[in-house]
Amino acid sequence: MSTINPVNSAFYTPPVASPSTATTSSSTAKPEVFQDAVDLSLAGRIALGVNDGRLSSDQAQELTSQLSTLNQQVQSGGPGVSNLRSLLSQQIYSDAHNGASMPANLTATSSEMRDFVQAGRVAKQESEGNLSSTQASDFLAQIGQKLGLET
């Protein structure tokens, strides 16, 4: 049985897109913030950054807002989505590394990508109210430890 690692006391709850900006299948459905694995990965990197103390809550809110804007662009079929995702990825890295530019040869292994997507799923479940902040923080700490992101 694995143990749950201690977590920091600062919790961040990713905001959910407002119904006016998200596509829903019915009036009672919750808005969809994360559209696919790439967006889940970006959301996961934001959540992990907050959980390990590399991103402030304000930085995370700004990055999540940019992710929401990106999702709106994806839904509307706007051009340049790949470039916008790349720019957001670079901004997440820069914010989490004290303004450093992302190295040109930086790559993530398939295992790391799965962990980022899993962290995004945790963030999504928390934003939908299916996980408490404490539960999400515990899960993110476990994922962060696996990735070597201990604080």
C-alpha atoms as a PDB file:
ATOM      1  CA  MET A   1       0.000   0.000   0.000  1.00  0.00           C
ATOM      2  CA  SER A   2       1.405   3.383  -0.884  1.00  0.00           C
ATOM      3  CA  THR A   3       1.352   6.292   1.498  1.00  0.00           C
ATOM      4  CA  ILE A   4       0.056   9.713   0.679  1.00  0.00           C
ATOM      5  CA  ASN A   5       2.715  12.368   0.834  1.00  0.00           C
ATOM      6  CA  PRO A   6       2.260  15.520   2.912  1.00  0.00           C
ATOM      7  CA  VAL A   7       1.088  18.459   0.868  1.00  0.00           C
ATOM      8  CA  ASN A   8       1.470  22.184   1.172  1.00  0.00           C
ATOM      9  CA  SER A   9      -1.360  24.163   2.710  1.00  0.00           C
ATOM     10  CA  ALA A  10      -1.980  26.413  -0.317  1.00  0.00           C
ATOM     11  CA  PHE A  11      -4.749  24.999  -2.465  1.00  0.00           C
ATOM     12  CA  TYR A  12      -5.618  26.109  -5.957  1.00  0.00           C
ATOM     13  CA  THR A  13      -8.915  25.290  -7.596  1.00  0.00           C
ATOM     14  CA  PRO A  14      -8.845  25.721 -11.359  1.00  0.00           C
ATOM     15  CA  PRO A  15     -11.743  27.890 -12.503  1.00  0.00           C
ATOM     16  CA  VAL A  16     -14.404  26.359 -14.681  1.00  0.00           C
ATOM     17  CA  ALA A  17     -15.291  28.101 -17.925  1.00  0.00           C
ATOM     18  CA  SER A  18     -18.515  30.040 -17.721  1.00  0.00           C
ATOM     19  CA  PRO A  19     -21.496  28.507 -19.507  1.00  0.00           C
ATOM     20  CA  SER A  20     -21.562  31.399 -21.943  1.00  0.00           C
ATOM     21  CA  THR A  21     -18.092  30.496 -23.247  1.00  0.00           C
ATOM     22  CA  ALA A  22     -18.292  26.712 -23.171  1.00  0.00           C
ATOM     23  CA  THR A  23     -20.228  24.317 -25.318  1.00  0.00           C
ATOM     24  CA  THR A  24     -22.592  22.120 -23.359  1.00  0.00           C
ATOM     25  CA  SER A  25     -24.933  19.384 -24.460  1.00  0.00           C
ATOM     26  CA  SER A  26     -27.725  20.498 -22.150  1.00  0.00           C
ATOM     27  CA  SER A  27     -28.558  23.382 -19.882  1.00  0.00           C
ATOM     28  CA  THR A  28     -27.694  21.324 -16.779  1.00  0.00           C
ATOM     29  CA  ALA A  29     -24.384  19.950 -18.088  1.00  0.00           C
ATOM     30  CA  LYS A  30     -21.175  21.324 -16.636  1.00  0.00           C
ATOM     31  CA  PRO A  31     -18.997  23.265 -19.096  1.00  0.00           C
ATOM     32  CA  GLU A  32     -16.046  21.439 -20.593  1.00  0.00           C
ATOM     33  CA  VAL A  33     -12.745  23.190 -19.856  1.00  0.00           C
ATOM     34  CA  PHE A  34     -10.287  20.591 -21.088  1.00  0.00           C
ATOM     35  CA  GLN A  35     -10.822  19.389 -24.627  1.00  0.00           C
ATOM     36  CA  ASP A  36      -8.222  16.706 -25.274  1.00  0.00           C
ATOM     37  CA  ALA A  37      -5.009  15.100 -24.071  1.00  0.00           C
ATOM     38  CA  VAL A  38      -2.880  18.116 -25.004  1.00  0.00           C
ATOM     39  CA  ASP A  39      -5.086  20.478 -23.022  1.00  0.00           C
ATOM     40  CA  LEU A  40      -5.245  17.999 -20.134  1.00  0.00           C
ATOM     41  CA  SER A  41      -1.446  17.875 -20.202  1.00  0.00           C
ATOM     42  CA  LEU A  42      -1.203  21.682 -20.094  1.00  0.00           C
ATOM     43  CA  ALA A  43      -3.733  21.819 -17.249  1.00  0.00           C
ATOM     44  CA  GLY A  44      -1.817  19.091 -15.443  1.00  0.00           C
ATOM     45  CA  ARG A  45       1.453  20.989 -15.728  1.00  0.00           C
ATOM     46  CA  ILE A  46      -0.248  24.065 -14.255  1.00  0.00           C
ATOM     47  CA  ALA A  47      -1.749  22.061 -11.382  1.00  0.00           C
ATOM     48  CA  LEU A  48       1.554  20.315 -10.665  1.00  0.00           C
ATOM     49  CA  GLY A  49       3.363  23.660 -10.731  1.00  0.00           C
ATOM     50  CA  VAL A  50       1.047  25.053  -8.085  1.00  0.00           C
ATOM     51  CA  ASN A  51       1.139  21.905  -6.002  1.00  0.00           C
ATOM     52  CA  ASP A  52       4.943  21.820  -5.865  1.00  0.00           C
ATOM     53  CA  GLY A  53       5.217  25.561  -5.220  1.00  0.00           C
ATOM     54  CA  ARG A  54       6.773  26.546  -8.547  1.00  0.00           C
ATOM     55  CA  LEU A  55       3.717  28.514  -9.642  1.00  0.00           C
ATOM     56  CA  SER A  56       1.786  30.987  -7.544  1.00  0.00           C
ATOM     57  CA  SER A  57      -1.987  30.896  -7.452  1.00  0.00           C
ATOM     58  CA  ASP A  58      -2.059  34.137  -9.469  1.00  0.00           C
ATOM     59  CA  GLN A  59       0.216  32.675 -12.136  1.00  0.00           C
ATOM     60  CA  ALA A  60      -1.927  29.549 -12.277  1.00  0.00           C
ATOM     61  CA  GLN A  61      -5.117  31.573 -12.666  1.00  0.00           C
ATOM     62  CA  GLU A  62      -3.575  33.537 -15.548  1.00  0.00           C
ATOM     63  CA  LEU A  63      -2.307  30.367 -17.242  1.00  0.00           C
ATOM     64  CA  THR A  64      -5.663  28.643 -16.754  1.00  0.00           C
ATOM     65  CA  SER A  65      -7.377  31.672 -18.265  1.00  0.00           C
ATOM     66  CA  GLN A  66      -5.088  31.379 -21.284  1.00  0.00           C
ATOM     67  CA  LEU A  67      -5.951  27.675 -21.515  1.00  0.00           C
ATOM     68  CA  SER A  68      -9.648  28.535 -21.434  1.00  0.00           C
ATOM     69  CA  THR A  69      -9.131  31.060 -24.234  1.00  0.00           C
ATOM     70  CA  LEU A  70      -7.265  28.399 -26.199  1.00  0.00           C
ATOM     71  CA  ASN A  71     -10.175  25.987 -25.714  1.00  0.00           C
ATOM     72  CA  GLN A  72     -12.577  28.624 -27.038  1.00  0.00           C
ATOM     73  CA  GLN A  73     -10.366  28.957 -30.120  1.00  0.00           C
ATOM     74  CA  VAL A  74     -10.339  25.176 -30.575  1.00  0.00           C
ATOM     75  CA  GLN A  75     -14.154  25.043 -30.332  1.00  0.00           C
ATOM     76  CA  SER A  76     -14.576  27.819 -32.866  1.00  0.00           C
ATOM     77  CA  GLY A  77     -12.146  26.171 -35.266  1.00  0.00           C
ATOM     78  CA  GLY A  78      -9.811  29.143 -35.145  1.00  0.00           C
ATOM     79  CA  PRO A  79      -6.446  28.995 -36.880  1.00  0.00           C
ATOM     80  CA  GLY A  80      -3.100  28.691 -35.127  1.00  0.00           C
ATOM     81  CA  VAL A  81      -4.231  26.458 -32.260  1.00  0.00           C
ATOM     82  CA  SER A  82      -1.016  24.427 -32.372  1.00  0.00           C
ATOM     83  CA  ASN A  83       1.058  27.598 -32.137  1.00  0.00           C
ATOM     84  CA  LEU A  84      -1.078  28.870 -29.239  1.00  0.00           C
ATOM     85  CA  ARG A  85      -0.599  25.573 -27.390  1.00  0.00           C
ATOM     86  CA  SER A  86       3.145  25.821 -27.933  1.00  0.00           C
ATOM     87  CA  LEU A  87       3.220  29.388 -26.625  1.00  0.00           C
ATOM     88  CA  LEU A  88       1.187  28.418 -23.549  1.00  0.00           C
ATOM     89  CA  SER A  89       3.502  25.469 -22.913  1.00  0.00           C
ATOM     90  CA  GLN A  90       6.496  27.805 -23.068  1.00  0.00           C
ATOM     91  CA  GLN A  91       4.777  30.255 -20.700  1.00  0.00           C
ATOM     92  CA  ILE A  92       4.046  27.486 -18.178  1.00  0.00           C
ATOM     93  CA  TYR A  93       7.706  26.458 -18.288  1.00  0.00           C
ATOM     94  CA  SER A  94       8.933  30.031 -17.959  1.00  0.00           C
ATOM     95  CA  ASP A  95       6.635  30.821 -15.035  1.00  0.00           C
ATOM     96  CA  ALA A  96       7.610  27.604 -13.252  1.00  0.00           C
ATOM     97  CA  HIS A  97      11.341  28.228 -13.775  1.00  0.00           C
ATOM     98  CA  ASN A  98      11.699  31.856 -12.657  1.00  0.00           C
ATOM     99  CA  GLY A  99      11.414  33.327 -16.155  1.00  0.00           C
ATOM    100  CA  ALA A 100      13.845  30.946 -17.845  1.00  0.00           C
ATOM    101  CA  SER A 101      13.236  30.168 -21.497  1.00  0.00           C
ATOM    102  CA  MET A 102      12.277  26.629 -22.387  1.00  0.00           C
ATOM    103  CA  PRO A 103      15.310  24.786 -23.781  1.00  0.00           C
ATOM    104  CA  ALA A 104      14.961  24.064 -27.494  1.00  0.00           C
ATOM    105  CA  ASN A 105      15.754  20.363 -27.072  1.00  0.00           C
ATOM    106  CA  LEU A 106      13.477  19.731 -24.086  1.00  0.00           C
ATOM    107  CA  THR A 107      11.277  16.693 -24.578  1.00  0.00           C
ATOM    108  CA  ALA A 108       8.942  14.740 -22.330  1.00  0.00           C
ATOM    109  CA  THR A 109       8.921  10.966 -22.254  1.00  0.00           C
ATOM    110  CA  SER A 110       5.681   9.122 -22.918  1.00  0.00           C
ATOM    111  CA  SER A 111       5.559   8.288 -19.199  1.00  0.00           C
ATOM    112  CA  GLU A 112       5.886  11.977 -18.274  1.00  0.00           C
ATOM    113  CA  MET A 113       3.179  12.888 -20.778  1.00  0.00           C
ATOM    114  CA  ARG A 114       0.849  10.292 -19.207  1.00  0.00           C
ATOM    115  CA  ASP A 115       1.577  11.806 -15.789  1.00  0.00           C
ATOM    116  CA  PHE A 116       0.832  15.329 -17.053  1.00  0.00           C
ATOM    117  CA  VAL A 117      -2.455  14.125 -18.573  1.00  0.00           C
ATOM    118  CA  GLN A 118      -3.316  12.326 -15.327  1.00  0.00           C
ATOM    119  CA  ALA A 119      -2.617  15.533 -13.391  1.00  0.00           C
ATOM    120  CA  GLY A 120      -4.910  17.354 -15.821  1.00  0.00           C
ATOM    121  CA  ARG A 121      -7.637  14.818 -15.135  1.00  0.00           C
ATOM    122  CA  VAL A 122      -7.214  15.432 -11.411  1.00  0.00           C
ATOM    123  CA  ALA A 123      -7.493  19.202 -11.989  1.00  0.00           C
ATOM    124  CA  LYS A 124     -10.588  18.656 -14.136  1.00  0.00           C
ATOM    125  CA  GLN A 125     -12.257  16.439 -11.532  1.00  0.00           C
ATOM    126  CA  GLU A 126     -11.503  19.019  -8.842  1.00  0.00           C
ATOM    127  CA  SER A 127     -12.920  21.860 -10.931  1.00  0.00           C
ATOM    128  CA  GLU A 128     -16.080  19.825 -11.538  1.00  0.00           C
ATOM    129  CA  GLY A 129     -16.479  19.217  -7.804  1.00  0.00           C
ATOM    130  CA  ASN A 130     -15.808  15.481  -7.971  1.00  0.00           C
ATOM    131  CA  LEU A 131     -12.649  15.791  -5.819  1.00  0.00           C
ATOM    132  CA  SER A 132     -11.993  17.990  -2.822  1.00  0.00           C
ATOM    133  CA  SER A 133      -8.980  20.297  -2.805  1.00  0.00           C
ATOM    134  CA  THR A 134      -7.318  17.981  -0.303  1.00  0.00           C
ATOM    135  CA  GLN A 135      -7.905  14.895  -2.439  1.00  0.00           C
ATOM    136  CA  ALA A 136      -6.654  16.655  -5.575  1.00  0.00           C
ATOM    137  CA  SER A 137      -3.599  17.972  -3.754  1.00  0.00           C
ATOM    138  CA  ASP A 138      -2.811  14.478  -2.462  1.00  0.00           C
ATOM    139  CA  PHE A 139      -3.080  12.975  -5.952  1.00  0.00           C
ATOM    140  CA  LEU A 140      -0.983  15.783  -7.454  1.00  0.00           C
ATOM    141  CA  ALA A 141       1.678  15.264  -4.779  1.00  0.00           C
ATOM    142  CA  GLN A 142       1.882  11.576  -5.705  1.00  0.00           C
ATOM    143  CA  ILE A 143       2.195  12.405  -9.402  1.00  0.00           C
ATOM    144  CA  GLY A 144       4.739  15.121  -8.632  1.00  0.00           C
ATOM    145  CA  GLN A 145       6.838  12.717  -6.585  1.00  0.00           C
ATOM    146  CA  LYS A 146       6.819  10.257  -9.471  1.00  0.00           C
ATOM    147  CA  LEU A 147       7.991  13.058 -11.776  1.00  0.00           C
ATOM    148  CA  GLY A 148      10.651  14.147  -9.280  1.00  0.00           C
ATOM    149  CA  LEU A 149       8.967  17.488  -8.500  1.00  0.00           C
ATOM    150  CA  GLU A 150       9.243  17.324  -4.703  1.00  0.00           C
ATOM    151  CA  THR A 151       9.237  20.709  -3.016  1.00  0.00           C
END
